[in-house]
């Protein structure tokens, strides 16, 4: 079933490339197989607008990749020549009426060679967090002036595309804390481990567990337990950088991947988090206090993610065995 996402209610656009790429990665859509909802939308776009070419274009690190397309002979192009790379930089439709007479595109190989783009309309696909991950675009091989009615039609189809992408986001986001879900976190960190393996860069993982959380639920009720989870996850997030990966594994367990951080840096971050959680106050529940135990482990060359997670989990167990409300390493 299609989900419809109203583009008018979304957040302000952000062009923070690192954050934008993370938003795209969380969708886990690039290089995925054909999916009927996207195929159906793109067929409707092509038929309704009477254009030879249309695509759902996602802007990855150094390429644009087409989730669904018609009238093209390839499923990706280099990013540096992509019209859609221009379109994701503004929170409004991106229009080129005659590329041959546009100095930005006249020499572009997508204009001078197949598919011989002459006119282009790209609708930014903006997620609720404000990041634009790609476009729904229509292309003609003749100069064309797009009417307001045509632009509105493509925007409406763009809403449908966003709805389908949002279904992926819902599956990858924890409903209570709005952090990455366990699967989304693991899948994303797996890619970071691969990068660390290739680039010999630093990477550390923190495993975190709220101390005696069952007692909170038993004494104060599950609504207060949910409040504690939301407040602690928010205060933890304040200690992290934008590109660190923070997820809820389930219950009162969390995990953080600190990209580019050796063990000493990770330990310092963990201690800062521990203190912030310990200092949390709940004005409506003055008798309530929190603490957290944290295990830290650093990536070692040749190590797989499962081994890194096992070591950080063992460090967490050590922190608990030593009395909780502390940081331990492995």
Protein backbone atom coordinates (compact mmCIF):
# COMPACT_ATOMS: atom_id res chain seq x y z
CA UNK A 1 0.00 0.00 0.00
CA UNK A 2 1.31 3.41 -0.88
CA UNK A 3 2.06 5.94 1.83
CA UNK A 4 1.64 9.59 0.93
CA UNK A 5 4.05 12.11 2.42
CA UNK A 6 3.08 15.79 2.22
CA UNK A 7 6.18 17.75 1.24
CA UNK A 8 4.78 20.97 2.70
CA UNK A 9 5.06 19.69 6.27
CA UNK A 10 8.71 18.67 6.18
CA UNK A 11 11.61 20.33 7.97
CA UNK A 12 13.96 22.96 6.62
CA UNK A 13 16.40 21.70 4.02
CA UNK A 14 19.93 20.96 5.19
CA UNK A 15 22.92 20.67 2.89
CA UNK A 16 25.26 18.97 5.30
CA UNK A 17 26.75 16.37 2.96
CA UNK A 18 27.87 13.98 5.71
CA UNK A 19 24.44 14.07 7.33
CA UNK A 20 22.70 13.83 3.97
CA UNK A 21 24.71 10.73 3.07
CA UNK A 22 23.88 9.15 6.42
CA UNK A 23 20.18 9.84 5.82
CA UNK A 24 20.43 8.09 2.45
CA UNK A 25 22.37 5.18 3.93
CA UNK A 26 19.71 4.67 6.61
CA UNK A 27 17.12 4.09 3.90
CA UNK A 28 19.12 1.10 2.62
CA UNK A 29 17.68 1.71 -0.83
CA UNK A 30 20.73 2.29 -3.06
CA UNK A 31 21.53 -0.81 -5.15
CA UNK A 32 18.30 -2.46 -4.03
CA UNK A 33 16.20 -4.55 -6.39
CA UNK A 34 13.22 -3.28 -8.37
CA UNK A 35 10.17 -2.62 -6.22
CA UNK A 36 6.66 -2.49 -7.63
CA UNK A 37 5.52 0.75 -5.89
CA UNK A 38 8.36 2.79 -7.39
CA UNK A 39 7.92 1.13 -10.78
CA UNK A 40 4.20 1.95 -10.75
CA UNK A 41 4.82 5.60 -9.83
CA UNK A 42 7.38 6.08 -12.58
CA UNK A 43 5.02 4.57 -15.17
CA UNK A 44 2.29 6.97 -14.09
CA UNK A 45 4.68 9.93 -14.31
CA UNK A 46 5.77 9.00 -17.82
CA UNK A 47 2.21 8.49 -19.03
CA UNK A 48 0.74 11.55 -17.35
CA UNK A 49 3.44 14.02 -18.41
CA UNK A 50 4.10 12.50 -21.83
CA UNK A 51 7.89 12.59 -21.43
CA UNK A 52 10.39 10.12 -22.90
CA UNK A 53 12.53 9.92 -19.74
CA UNK A 54 11.76 9.94 -16.03
CA UNK A 55 13.49 8.56 -12.95
CA UNK A 56 13.65 8.32 -9.19
CA UNK A 57 17.25 9.48 -8.80
CA UNK A 58 19.18 9.05 -5.55
CA UNK A 59 22.45 10.95 -5.06
CA UNK A 60 25.06 8.66 -3.53
CA UNK A 61 28.65 9.57 -2.64
CA UNK A 62 30.05 9.86 -6.16
CA UNK A 63 27.16 8.80 -8.39
CA UNK A 64 23.48 9.19 -9.04
CA UNK A 65 21.64 5.89 -8.93
CA UNK A 66 18.16 5.34 -10.33
CA UNK A 67 15.76 3.42 -8.11
CA UNK A 68 13.25 3.34 -10.97
CA UNK A 69 13.56 4.78 -14.46
CA UNK A 70 12.18 4.82 -17.96
CA UNK A 71 13.90 5.89 -21.18
CA UNK A 72 17.48 5.48 -19.93
CA UNK A 73 20.01 2.84 -20.93
CA UNK A 74 21.94 2.83 -17.63
CA UNK A 75 20.93 2.71 -13.96
CA UNK A 76 23.54 5.22 -12.75
CA UNK A 77 25.81 8.05 -13.86
CA UNK A 78 28.74 9.91 -12.25
CA UNK A 79 27.50 12.42 -9.72
CA UNK A 80 29.56 15.30 -11.07
CA UNK A 81 27.57 15.42 -14.31
CA UNK A 82 24.14 14.74 -12.79
CA UNK A 83 21.46 17.41 -13.16
CA UNK A 84 19.96 15.92 -10.01
CA UNK A 85 23.05 16.82 -8.00
CA UNK A 86 22.15 20.45 -8.65
CA UNK A 87 18.51 19.80 -7.81
CA UNK A 88 19.20 18.49 -4.29
CA UNK A 89 20.82 21.77 -3.25
CA UNK A 90 17.62 23.81 -3.14
CA UNK A 91 14.25 23.25 -1.52
CA UNK A 92 12.25 23.92 -4.68
CA UNK A 93 11.76 22.42 -8.15
CA UNK A 94 14.89 22.61 -10.31
CA UNK A 95 14.08 23.50 -13.91
CA UNK A 96 16.16 23.61 -17.08
CA UNK A 97 14.14 24.55 -20.15
CA UNK A 98 16.89 24.38 -22.81
CA UNK A 99 20.13 22.74 -21.70
CA UNK A 100 21.92 23.51 -24.97
CA UNK A 101 21.59 27.22 -24.25
CA UNK A 102 22.27 26.97 -20.53
CA UNK A 103 25.97 27.66 -19.72
CA UNK A 104 25.78 25.29 -16.73
CA UNK A 105 24.91 22.32 -18.92
CA UNK A 106 25.70 23.06 -22.57
CA UNK A 107 28.89 20.97 -22.50
CA UNK A 108 27.53 18.28 -20.19
CA UNK A 109 27.95 14.79 -21.73
CA UNK A 110 24.38 13.99 -20.75
CA UNK A 111 23.37 16.82 -23.10
CA UNK A 112 25.85 16.29 -25.93
CA UNK A 113 25.56 12.50 -25.82
CA UNK A 114 22.96 9.89 -24.90
CA UNK A 115 20.39 10.50 -23.40
CA UNK A 116 20.60 13.98 -25.06
CA UNK A 117 18.89 15.93 -22.28
CA UNK A 118 17.37 19.19 -23.46
CA UNK A 119 14.85 20.00 -20.72
CA UNK A 120 14.71 18.83 -17.11
CA UNK A 121 12.41 19.14 -14.11
CA UNK A 122 13.61 17.74 -10.79
CA UNK A 123 11.52 17.63 -7.59
CA UNK A 124 13.71 17.30 -4.46
CA UNK A 125 12.95 14.28 -2.27
CA UNK A 126 13.25 15.75 1.22
CA UNK A 127 12.95 13.53 4.29
CA UNK A 128 11.32 14.74 7.53
CA UNK A 129 14.75 15.45 9.06
CA UNK A 130 15.36 17.98 6.27
CA UNK A 131 17.88 16.05 4.20
CA UNK A 132 17.32 15.79 0.44
CA UNK A 133 18.40 12.37 -0.80
CA UNK A 134 17.52 12.67 -4.47
CA UNK A 135 14.83 13.72 -6.93
CA UNK A 136 11.89 12.62 -8.94
CA UNK A 137 12.84 13.98 -12.35
CA UNK A 138 11.33 14.18 -15.81
CA UNK A 139 13.42 14.78 -18.92
CA UNK A 140 12.64 15.70 -22.49
CA UNK A 141 14.92 15.55 -25.51
CA UNK A 142 13.47 18.82 -26.80
CA UNK A 143 13.41 22.27 -25.17
CA UNK A 144 10.32 22.55 -23.00
CA UNK A 145 8.62 25.10 -20.77
CA UNK A 146 7.05 23.33 -17.81
CA UNK A 147 3.71 24.77 -16.73
CA UNK A 148 2.75 25.32 -13.11
CA UNK A 149 0.19 22.54 -13.51
CA UNK A 150 2.86 20.09 -14.72
CA UNK A 151 5.20 21.06 -11.88
CA UNK A 152 2.37 20.51 -9.39
CA UNK A 153 1.65 17.07 -10.86
CA UNK A 154 5.29 15.99 -10.52
CA UNK A 155 5.38 17.34 -6.95
CA UNK A 156 2.38 15.19 -6.10
CA UNK A 157 4.09 12.14 -7.55
CA UNK A 158 7.16 13.14 -5.55
CA UNK A 159 5.02 12.94 -2.42
CA UNK A 160 4.21 9.33 -3.33
CA UNK A 161 7.90 8.51 -3.78
CA UNK A 162 8.66 10.09 -0.40
CA UNK A 163 5.92 8.02 1.17
CA UNK A 164 7.53 4.83 -0.10
CA UNK A 165 10.94 5.96 1.14
CA UNK A 166 9.41 6.84 4.51
CA UNK A 167 8.18 3.29 4.91
CA UNK A 168 11.85 2.33 4.95
CA UNK A 169 12.64 5.01 7.51
CA UNK A 170 9.87 3.80 9.81
CA UNK A 171 11.41 0.33 9.76
CA UNK A 172 14.86 1.70 10.54
CA UNK A 173 13.94 4.12 13.36
CA UNK A 174 13.05 3.23 16.93
CA UNK A 175 9.59 4.60 17.58
CA UNK A 176 10.18 5.72 21.18
CA UNK A 177 13.61 7.35 21.06
CA UNK A 178 13.77 8.13 17.31
CA UNK A 179 17.22 6.55 17.23
CA UNK A 180 18.35 4.00 14.66
CA UNK A 181 16.79 0.58 15.12
CA UNK A 182 18.99 -2.41 15.92
CA UNK A 183 19.04 -3.64 12.32
CA UNK A 184 19.60 -0.19 10.83
CA UNK A 185 22.44 0.47 13.27
CA UNK A 186 24.11 -2.88 12.61
CA UNK A 187 23.81 -2.57 8.84
CA UNK A 188 25.21 0.97 8.84
CA UNK A 189 28.09 0.16 11.21
CA UNK A 190 28.95 -2.84 9.06
CA UNK A 191 29.69 -0.42 6.23
CA UNK A 192 31.85 1.71 8.54
CA UNK A 193 33.84 -1.35 9.57
CA UNK A 194 34.42 -2.13 5.90
CA UNK A 195 35.66 1.43 5.35
CA UNK A 196 37.93 1.20 8.38
CA UNK A 197 39.32 -2.07 7.05
CA UNK A 198 40.12 -0.52 3.68
CA UNK A 199 41.36 2.78 5.03
CA UNK A 200 43.05 1.63 8.25
CA UNK A 201 41.14 4.36 10.12
CA UNK A 202 40.11 4.45 13.78
CA UNK A 203 36.68 3.31 14.89
CA UNK A 204 35.28 2.41 18.31
CA UNK A 205 32.02 1.01 19.60
CA UNK A 206 30.28 1.75 22.90
CA UNK A 207 27.68 -0.58 24.38
CA UNK A 208 25.44 1.13 26.95
CA UNK A 209 22.93 -0.28 29.40
CA UNK A 210 20.77 1.69 31.86
CA UNK A 211 21.36 0.36 35.35
CA UNK A 212 18.45 -1.27 37.22
CA UNK A 213 15.95 -0.18 34.58
CA UNK A 214 13.46 -2.90 35.53
CA UNK A 215 13.26 -1.30 38.98
CA UNK A 216 12.28 2.01 37.36
CA UNK A 217 9.41 0.33 35.53
CA UNK A 218 8.33 -1.58 38.63
CA UNK A 219 8.37 1.41 40.99
CA UNK A 220 7.29 4.26 38.71
CA UNK A 221 5.45 2.54 35.87
CA UNK A 222 6.18 2.04 32.20
CA UNK A 223 5.23 5.59 31.22
CA UNK A 224 8.02 6.90 33.43
CA UNK A 225 10.28 4.17 32.06
CA UNK A 226 9.59 5.49 28.56
CA UNK A 227 10.36 9.02 29.77
CA UNK A 228 13.71 7.83 31.12
CA UNK A 229 14.57 6.20 27.80
CA UNK A 230 13.71 9.34 25.86
CA UNK A 231 15.57 11.68 28.22
CA UNK A 232 18.69 9.56 28.48
CA UNK A 233 18.90 9.01 24.73
CA UNK A 234 18.53 12.77 24.19
CA UNK A 235 21.27 13.64 26.71
CA UNK A 236 23.57 11.00 25.25
CA UNK A 237 23.05 12.39 21.77
CA UNK A 238 24.27 15.79 22.94
CA UNK A 239 27.70 14.26 23.61
CA UNK A 240 28.07 12.91 20.08
CA UNK A 241 29.12 14.34 16.74
CA UNK A 242 26.76 14.45 13.77
CA UNK A 243 28.44 11.56 11.99
CA UNK A 244 28.57 9.20 15.00
CA UNK A 245 26.04 6.38 14.80
CA UNK A 246 23.67 6.03 17.75
CA UNK A 247 21.10 3.24 17.97
CA UNK A 248 18.75 1.55 20.38
CA UNK A 249 19.33 -2.19 20.38
CA UNK A 250 16.25 -2.95 22.44
CA UNK A 251 14.91 -2.36 25.94
CA UNK A 252 17.39 -0.22 27.85
CA UNK A 253 20.37 -1.16 25.66
CA UNK A 254 22.03 1.29 23.28
CA UNK A 255 25.08 1.26 21.02
CA UNK A 256 27.26 3.99 19.54
CA UNK A 257 29.79 3.77 16.74
CA UNK A 258 32.38 6.55 17.10
CA UNK A 259 33.85 7.05 13.64
CA UNK A 260 37.51 8.08 13.57
CA UNK A 261 37.87 7.63 17.33
CA UNK A 262 40.63 5.51 18.95
CA UNK A 263 39.94 3.81 22.28
CA UNK A 264 41.16 6.68 24.47
CA UNK A 265 38.82 9.12 22.74
CA UNK A 266 35.94 6.64 22.95
CA UNK A 267 36.59 6.15 26.67
CA UNK A 268 36.55 9.91 27.25
CA UNK A 269 33.24 10.21 25.37
CA UNK A 270 31.81 7.31 27.36
CA UNK A 271 32.80 8.91 30.66
CA UNK A 272 31.20 12.19 29.60
CA UNK A 273 28.01 10.31 28.77
CA UNK A 274 28.08 8.47 32.10
CA UNK A 275 28.32 11.74 34.04
CA UNK A 276 25.51 13.39 32.04
CA UNK A 277 23.17 10.47 32.69
CA UNK A 278 24.08 10.43 36.37
CA UNK A 279 23.25 14.14 36.62
CA UNK A 280 19.83 13.82 34.97
CA UNK A 281 16.93 15.06 37.08
CA UNK A 282 13.22 14.49 36.61
CA UNK A 283 11.33 17.39 38.26
CA UNK A 284 8.04 15.50 38.35
CA UNK A 285 9.73 12.48 39.92
CA UNK A 286 12.30 13.78 42.44
CA UNK A 287 12.98 10.32 43.83
CA UNK A 288 14.03 9.05 40.41
CA UNK A 289 17.70 8.85 39.48
CA UNK A 290 19.56 7.11 36.67
CA UNK A 291 22.95 5.68 35.94
CA UNK A 292 24.45 3.85 33.00
CA UNK A 293 27.14 1.24 32.45
CA UNK A 294 29.25 1.43 29.30
CA UNK A 295 31.62 -0.96 27.56
CA UNK A 296 34.10 0.33 24.99
CA UNK A 297 36.16 -1.48 22.36
CA UNK A 298 38.21 -0.24 19.42
CA UNK A 299 38.32 -1.71 15.94
CA UNK A 300 41.39 -3.81 15.19
CA UNK A 301 42.63 -4.47 11.63
CA UNK A 302 41.10 -7.59 10.15
CA UNK A 303 38.34 -7.71 12.73
CA UNK A 304 34.72 -8.25 11.68
CA UNK A 305 31.85 -6.32 13.18
CA UNK A 306 30.59 -9.31 15.17
CA UNK A 307 33.95 -9.58 16.93
CA UNK A 308 34.04 -5.87 17.70
CA UNK A 309 30.52 -6.06 19.13
CA UNK A 310 31.43 -9.10 21.21
CA UNK A 311 34.40 -7.28 22.73
CA UNK A 312 32.37 -4.17 23.55
CA UNK A 313 29.65 -6.36 25.06
CA UNK A 314 32.26 -8.11 27.22
CA UNK A 315 33.51 -4.71 28.35
CA UNK A 316 29.93 -3.77 29.29
CA UNK A 317 29.63 -6.95 31.33
CA UNK A 318 32.86 -6.00 33.09
CA UNK A 319 31.47 -2.55 33.93
CA UNK A 320 28.39 -4.16 35.46
CA UNK A 321 30.42 -6.70 37.41
CA UNK A 322 32.55 -3.91 38.85
CA UNK A 323 29.54 -2.18 40.38
CA UNK A 324 27.72 -0.45 37.45
CA UNK A 325 27.66 3.28 36.72
CA UNK A 326 31.11 3.08 35.17
CA UNK A 327 33.05 2.66 31.93
CA UNK A 328 35.11 -0.44 31.12
CA UNK A 329 37.21 -1.30 28.07
CA UNK A 330 38.25 -4.43 26.22
